Amino acid sequence: GPKIVSTCCGCIAVIPWSQVNAEQMVPLYVHLNKWMRGKTVVIIISMWDGFRGKETERKSIIEKVKEYFPPEDRPTMQIFTTSGGKLHYIYRIEDLMQRL
């Protein structure tokens, strides 16, 4: 809830590349802008294994994410890309580590 979000130092959001500019993502961007102002925001653009576009299109998707955030917050943002499969393995490793 807002109490937890307002006291955290940042967040990680995972967005499939095909949904970056989708209308249903706007509430997420609004929420991040409201609660993560001045904090570390890490955006992971996933599902790159299904992307068939050119390098210029890939870069424009990354730039599109930045456009949803104020210019003063963009320098502290971190944006990464990964495939869906790799992201799944990261979650599985994390789950296994928690069981140890």
C-alpha atoms as a PDB file:
ATOM      1  CA  GLY A   1       0.000   0.000   0.000  1.00  0.00           C
ATOM      2  CA  PRO A   2       0.918   3.691  -0.037  1.00  0.00           C
ATOM      3  CA  LYS A   3       2.504   3.552   3.438  1.00  0.00           C
ATOM      4  CA  ILE A   4       5.058   0.957   2.319  1.00  0.00           C
ATOM      5  CA  VAL A   5       5.647   2.613  -1.049  1.00  0.00           C
ATOM      6  CA  SER A   6       6.147   6.046   0.495  1.00  0.00           C
ATOM      7  CA  THR A   7       8.885   4.771   2.832  1.00  0.00           C
ATOM      8  CA  CYS A   8      10.796   2.558   0.384  1.00  0.00           C
ATOM      9  CA  CYS A   9      13.951   3.727  -1.384  1.00  0.00           C
ATOM     10  CA  GLY A  10      12.866   2.628  -4.857  1.00  0.00           C
ATOM     11  CA  CYS A  11      11.224  -0.070  -6.910  1.00  0.00           C
ATOM     12  CA  ILE A  12      11.598  -2.480  -9.787  1.00  0.00           C
ATOM     13  CA  ALA A  13       8.913  -2.653 -12.465  1.00  0.00           C
ATOM     14  CA  VAL A  14       8.828  -5.313 -15.181  1.00  0.00           C
ATOM     15  CA  ILE A  15       7.070  -4.398 -18.423  1.00  0.00           C
ATOM     16  CA  PRO A  16       6.879  -6.526 -21.597  1.00  0.00           C
ATOM     17  CA  TRP A  17       8.298  -4.616 -24.582  1.00  0.00           C
ATOM     18  CA  SER A  18       4.985  -4.904 -26.408  1.00  0.00           C
ATOM     19  CA  GLN A  19       3.156  -3.169 -23.535  1.00  0.00           C
ATOM     20  CA  VAL A  20       5.465  -0.196 -22.965  1.00  0.00           C
ATOM     21  CA  ASN A  21       3.197   2.191 -24.847  1.00  0.00           C
ATOM     22  CA  ALA A  22      -0.090   0.427 -24.080  1.00  0.00           C
ATOM     23  CA  GLU A  23      -2.901   2.438 -22.517  1.00  0.00           C
ATOM     24  CA  GLN A  24      -3.255  -0.035 -19.641  1.00  0.00           C
ATOM     25  CA  MET A  25       0.315   0.788 -18.545  1.00  0.00           C
ATOM     26  CA  VAL A  26      -0.422   4.485 -17.964  1.00  0.00           C
ATOM     27  CA  PRO A  27      -1.746   3.899 -14.398  1.00  0.00           C
ATOM     28  CA  LEU A  28       1.551   2.175 -13.545  1.00  0.00           C
ATOM     29  CA  TYR A  29       3.552   5.135 -14.830  1.00  0.00           C
ATOM     30  CA  VAL A  30       1.311   7.550 -12.916  1.00  0.00           C
ATOM     31  CA  HIS A  31       1.752   5.493  -9.740  1.00  0.00           C
ATOM     32  CA  LEU A  32       5.530   5.372 -10.159  1.00  0.00           C
ATOM     33  CA  ASN A  33       5.699   9.110 -10.784  1.00  0.00           C
ATOM     34  CA  LYS A  34       3.608   9.819  -7.696  1.00  0.00           C
ATOM     35  CA  TRP A  35       5.332   7.529  -5.210  1.00  0.00           C
ATOM     36  CA  MET A  36       8.861   7.127  -6.593  1.00  0.00           C
ATOM     37  CA  ARG A  37       9.744  10.788  -7.080  1.00  0.00           C
ATOM     38  CA  GLY A  38      13.441  11.191  -6.310  1.00  0.00           C
ATOM     39  CA  LYS A  39      13.869   7.470  -5.603  1.00  0.00           C
ATOM     40  CA  THR A  40      15.571   4.733  -7.589  1.00  0.00           C
ATOM     41  CA  VAL A  41      13.347   3.292 -10.292  1.00  0.00           C
ATOM     42  CA  VAL A  42      14.520   0.222 -12.168  1.00  0.00           C
ATOM     43  CA  ILE A  43      12.524  -0.702 -15.243  1.00  0.00           C
ATOM     44  CA  ILE A  44      13.060  -4.134 -16.759  1.00  0.00           C
ATOM     45  CA  ILE A  45      11.684  -4.371 -20.264  1.00  0.00           C
ATOM     46  CA  SER A  46      11.034  -8.058 -20.757  1.00  0.00           C
ATOM     47  CA  MET A  47      10.093 -10.511 -23.493  1.00  0.00           C
ATOM     48  CA  TRP A  48      12.896  -9.364 -25.829  1.00  0.00           C
ATOM     49  CA  ASP A  49      13.165 -12.909 -27.126  1.00  0.00           C
ATOM     50  CA  GLY A  50       9.924 -12.179 -29.028  1.00  0.00           C
ATOM     51  CA  PHE A  51      11.074  -8.838 -30.442  1.00  0.00           C
ATOM     52  CA  ARG A  52      11.745  -8.954 -34.177  1.00  0.00           C
ATOM     53  CA  GLY A  53      12.367  -5.270 -34.858  1.00  0.00           C
ATOM     54  CA  LYS A  54      15.518  -3.392 -35.755  1.00  0.00           C
ATOM     55  CA  GLU A  55      18.000  -1.835 -33.338  1.00  0.00           C
ATOM     56  CA  THR A  56      16.512   1.630 -33.901  1.00  0.00           C
ATOM     57  CA  GLU A  57      13.069   0.307 -32.905  1.00  0.00           C
ATOM     58  CA  ARG A  58      14.544  -1.282 -29.769  1.00  0.00           C
ATOM     59  CA  LYS A  59      16.115   2.030 -28.784  1.00  0.00           C
ATOM     60  CA  SER A  60      12.853   3.879 -29.414  1.00  0.00           C
ATOM     61  CA  ILE A  61      11.020   1.515 -27.024  1.00  0.00           C
ATOM     62  CA  ILE A  62      13.563   2.280 -24.306  1.00  0.00           C
ATOM     63  CA  GLU A  63      13.256   6.009 -24.985  1.00  0.00           C
ATOM     64  CA  LYS A  64       9.457   5.742 -24.849  1.00  0.00           C
ATOM     65  CA  VAL A  65       9.670   4.453 -21.271  1.00  0.00           C
ATOM     66  CA  LYS A  66      11.756   7.482 -20.307  1.00  0.00           C
ATOM     67  CA  GLU A  67       9.147   9.843 -21.774  1.00  0.00           C
ATOM     68  CA  TYR A  68       6.656   8.759 -19.100  1.00  0.00           C
ATOM     69  CA  PHE A  69       8.908  10.203 -16.385  1.00  0.00           C
ATOM     70  CA  PRO A  70       9.888  13.809 -15.643  1.00  0.00           C
ATOM     71  CA  PRO A  71      13.251  14.868 -17.122  1.00  0.00           C
ATOM     72  CA  GLU A  72      14.709  15.463 -13.660  1.00  0.00           C
ATOM     73  CA  ASP A  73      14.038  11.818 -12.656  1.00  0.00           C
ATOM     74  CA  ARG A  74      15.440  10.230 -15.822  1.00  0.00           C
ATOM     75  CA  PRO A  75      19.136  10.375 -14.812  1.00  0.00           C
ATOM     76  CA  THR A  76      18.487   8.176 -11.758  1.00  0.00           C
ATOM     77  CA  MET A  77      16.382   5.649 -13.672  1.00  0.00           C
ATOM     78  CA  GLN A  78      17.877   2.366 -14.697  1.00  0.00           C
ATOM     79  CA  ILE A  79      16.412   0.556 -17.685  1.00  0.00           C
ATOM     80  CA  PHE A  80      17.376  -2.996 -18.572  1.00  0.00           C
ATOM     81  CA  THR A  81      16.155  -5.410 -21.215  1.00  0.00           C
ATOM     82  CA  THR A  82      15.899  -9.174 -20.937  1.00  0.00           C
ATOM     83  CA  SER A  83      14.157 -12.143 -22.455  1.00  0.00           C
ATOM     84  CA  GLY A  84      11.151 -13.707 -20.789  1.00  0.00           C
ATOM     85  CA  GLY A  85      13.039 -16.958 -20.292  1.00  0.00           C
ATOM     86  CA  LYS A  86      15.956 -15.306 -18.517  1.00  0.00           C
ATOM     87  CA  LEU A  87      13.605 -13.389 -16.259  1.00  0.00           C
ATOM     88  CA  HIS A  88      11.811 -16.620 -15.371  1.00  0.00           C
ATOM     89  CA  TYR A  89      15.132 -18.228 -14.399  1.00  0.00           C
ATOM     90  CA  ILE A  90      16.033 -15.255 -12.209  1.00  0.00           C
ATOM     91  CA  TYR A  91      12.772 -15.689 -10.298  1.00  0.00           C
ATOM     92  CA  ARG A  92      13.361 -19.433  -9.956  1.00  0.00           C
ATOM     93  CA  ILE A  93      16.870 -18.868  -8.603  1.00  0.00           C
ATOM     94  CA  GLU A  94      15.557 -16.288  -6.131  1.00  0.00           C
ATOM     95  CA  ASP A  95      12.866 -18.729  -4.993  1.00  0.00           C
ATOM     96  CA  LEU A  96      15.406 -21.515  -4.511  1.00  0.00           C
ATOM     97  CA  MET A  97      17.742 -19.190  -2.578  1.00  0.00           C
ATOM     98  CA  GLN A  98      14.956 -18.228  -0.185  1.00  0.00           C
ATOM     99  CA  ARG A  99      14.378 -21.889   0.611  1.00  0.00           C
ATOM    100  CA  LEU A 100      18.005 -22.383   1.718  1.00  0.00           C
END
